[in-house]
């Protein structure tokens, strides 16, 4: 009889299944030996490290924030299109924009 692993969702023979540490979920022997990070790498196909974020700031209201792969068009605080990369923002640039 085949069962679906509670982690990797692959069909595995019932004899190869074990209960997870929560005592409720059946997982295959391969998943039982993996750490959470290794399991996420196996499922997603890449490392589970956090993505790099880019810092932005609004030249109008001064609100600073960060985003991952998305380049914002508007400030999430004041909704104006006055977004610059925070590394490129300086006090002289703020005075010139005002």
Foldseek 3Di string as FASTA:
>chain_A
DWDAAPQQRDTDDPVQWDAAPVRPGIHGPVVNPDDPQVSVCVNPVHGPDDADWFWKAALPPGDIDIDGPDDDQADPPPRHRRIDGPVPDDPVNSVVVD
